[in-house]
Amino acid sequence: MSYQSQTYAIASRQEDLERHLLEASVVDREQLAVAKRWQERQEGPLLMILLQLSFIDLHQFSGLLDWSGHARMDTSY
């Protein structure tokens, strides 16, 4: 997989995660915007940033990791 296609896949997964977070009311738009600004500075995974900022707890983090794994498997060919 080329660098460009890897970058697209990561961005696409993050968009799916962001949509899920908002649709499931895990975080609100303001919290997501704050977390994304922190993510740009720290260059870390969004889920870790949400946990560091206490926008999600460990139980939610675990569930979101499970969701992320299932979402990744659903889109693989």
C-alpha atoms as a PDB file:
ATOM      1  CA  MET A   1       0.000   0.000   0.000  1.00  0.00           C
ATOM      2  CA  SER A   2       1.413   3.376  -0.967  1.00  0.00           C
ATOM      3  CA  TYR A   3       1.925   6.223   1.491  1.00  0.00           C
ATOM      4  CA  GLN A   4      -0.869   8.210  -0.159  1.00  0.00           C
ATOM      5  CA  SER A   5      -3.373   5.362   0.075  1.00  0.00           C
ATOM      6  CA  GLN A   6      -2.362   4.689   3.697  1.00  0.00           C
ATOM      7  CA  THR A   7      -2.921   8.354   4.535  1.00  0.00           C
ATOM      8  CA  TYR A   8      -6.344   8.249   2.867  1.00  0.00           C
ATOM      9  CA  ALA A   9      -7.292   5.072   4.765  1.00  0.00           C
ATOM     10  CA  ILE A  10      -6.314   6.617   8.113  1.00  0.00           C
ATOM     11  CA  ALA A  11      -8.236   9.823   7.366  1.00  0.00           C
ATOM     12  CA  SER A  12     -11.252   7.808   6.267  1.00  0.00           C
ATOM     13  CA  ARG A  13     -11.199   5.744   9.479  1.00  0.00           C
ATOM     14  CA  GLN A  14     -10.940   8.895  11.567  1.00  0.00           C
ATOM     15  CA  GLU A  15     -13.926  10.405   9.747  1.00  0.00           C
ATOM     16  CA  ASP A  16     -15.900   7.212  10.461  1.00  0.00           C
ATOM     17  CA  LEU A  17     -14.874   7.387  14.126  1.00  0.00           C
ATOM     18  CA  GLU A  18     -15.817  11.070  14.400  1.00  0.00           C
ATOM     19  CA  ARG A  19     -19.216  10.385  12.835  1.00  0.00           C
ATOM     20  CA  HIS A  20     -19.795   7.476  15.242  1.00  0.00           C
ATOM     21  CA  LEU A  21     -18.768   9.563  18.267  1.00  0.00           C
ATOM     22  CA  LEU A  22     -21.258  12.289  17.346  1.00  0.00           C
ATOM     23  CA  GLU A  23     -24.107   9.989  16.284  1.00  0.00           C
ATOM     24  CA  ALA A  24     -23.796   7.915  19.460  1.00  0.00           C
ATOM     25  CA  SER A  25     -23.562  11.118  21.554  1.00  0.00           C
ATOM     26  CA  VAL A  26     -20.270   9.987  23.070  1.00  0.00           C
ATOM     27  CA  VAL A  27     -18.927  13.526  22.676  1.00  0.00           C
ATOM     28  CA  ASP A  28     -20.438  16.740  21.383  1.00  0.00           C
ATOM     29  CA  ARG A  29     -19.141  18.835  18.490  1.00  0.00           C
ATOM     30  CA  GLU A  30     -17.277  21.244  20.775  1.00  0.00           C
ATOM     31  CA  GLN A  31     -15.452  18.427  22.583  1.00  0.00           C
ATOM     32  CA  LEU A  32     -14.560  16.836  19.264  1.00  0.00           C
ATOM     33  CA  ALA A  33     -13.201  20.146  17.948  1.00  0.00           C
ATOM     34  CA  VAL A  34     -11.046  20.603  21.065  1.00  0.00           C
ATOM     35  CA  ALA A  35      -9.743  17.038  20.808  1.00  0.00           C
ATOM     36  CA  LYS A  36      -8.885  17.484  17.130  1.00  0.00           C
ATOM     37  CA  ARG A  37      -6.901  20.651  17.911  1.00  0.00           C
ATOM     38  CA  TRP A  38      -4.986  18.742  20.594  1.00  0.00           C
ATOM     39  CA  GLN A  39      -4.479  15.890  18.145  1.00  0.00           C
ATOM     40  CA  GLU A  40      -2.866  18.249  15.625  1.00  0.00           C
ATOM     41  CA  ARG A  41      -0.406  19.439  18.270  1.00  0.00           C
ATOM     42  CA  GLN A  42       0.382  16.040  19.759  1.00  0.00           C
ATOM     43  CA  GLU A  43       0.008  13.955  16.594  1.00  0.00           C
ATOM     44  CA  GLY A  44      -1.633  11.139  18.542  1.00  0.00           C
ATOM     45  CA  PRO A  45      -4.643   8.901  18.013  1.00  0.00           C
ATOM     46  CA  LEU A  46      -7.973  10.644  18.553  1.00  0.00           C
ATOM     47  CA  LEU A  47      -9.167   8.050  21.074  1.00  0.00           C
ATOM     48  CA  MET A  48      -6.094   8.622  23.268  1.00  0.00           C
ATOM     49  CA  ILE A  49      -6.616  12.390  23.123  1.00  0.00           C
ATOM     50  CA  LEU A  50     -10.280  12.006  24.122  1.00  0.00           C
ATOM     51  CA  LEU A  51      -9.204   9.869  27.072  1.00  0.00           C
ATOM     52  CA  GLN A  52      -6.440  12.297  28.114  1.00  0.00           C
ATOM     53  CA  LEU A  53      -8.924  15.171  28.051  1.00  0.00           C
ATOM     54  CA  SER A  54     -11.414  13.096  30.114  1.00  0.00           C
ATOM     55  CA  PHE A  55     -14.033  13.386  27.366  1.00  0.00           C
ATOM     56  CA  ILE A  56     -14.376   9.592  27.536  1.00  0.00           C
ATOM     57  CA  ASP A  57     -13.727   7.122  30.343  1.00  0.00           C
ATOM     58  CA  LEU A  58     -11.875   3.790  30.213  1.00  0.00           C
ATOM     59  CA  HIS A  59     -15.083   1.835  29.637  1.00  0.00           C
ATOM     60  CA  GLN A  60     -15.996   4.025  26.650  1.00  0.00           C
ATOM     61  CA  PHE A  61     -12.399   3.847  25.405  1.00  0.00           C
ATOM     62  CA  SER A  62     -12.502   0.046  25.455  1.00  0.00           C
ATOM     63  CA  GLY A  63     -15.831  -0.046  23.652  1.00  0.00           C
ATOM     64  CA  LEU A  64     -14.596   2.391  21.022  1.00  0.00           C
ATOM     65  CA  LEU A  65     -11.481   0.287  20.440  1.00  0.00           C
ATOM     66  CA  ASP A  66     -13.750  -2.711  19.866  1.00  0.00           C
ATOM     67  CA  TRP A  67     -15.933  -0.643  17.509  1.00  0.00           C
ATOM     68  CA  SER A  68     -12.850   0.592  15.669  1.00  0.00           C
ATOM     69  CA  GLY A  69     -11.594  -2.960  15.176  1.00  0.00           C
ATOM     70  CA  HIS A  70     -14.957  -4.127  13.870  1.00  0.00           C
ATOM     71  CA  ALA A  71     -15.295  -1.115  11.571  1.00  0.00           C
ATOM     72  CA  ARG A  72     -11.835  -1.801  10.141  1.00  0.00           C
ATOM     73  CA  MET A  73     -12.718  -5.455   9.525  1.00  0.00           C
ATOM     74  CA  ASP A  74     -16.007  -4.484   7.829  1.00  0.00           C
ATOM     75  CA  THR A  75     -14.182  -2.329   5.274  1.00  0.00           C
ATOM     76  CA  SER A  76     -11.338  -4.725   4.470  1.00  0.00           C
ATOM     77  CA  TYR A  77     -11.572  -6.621   1.208  1.00  0.00           C
END
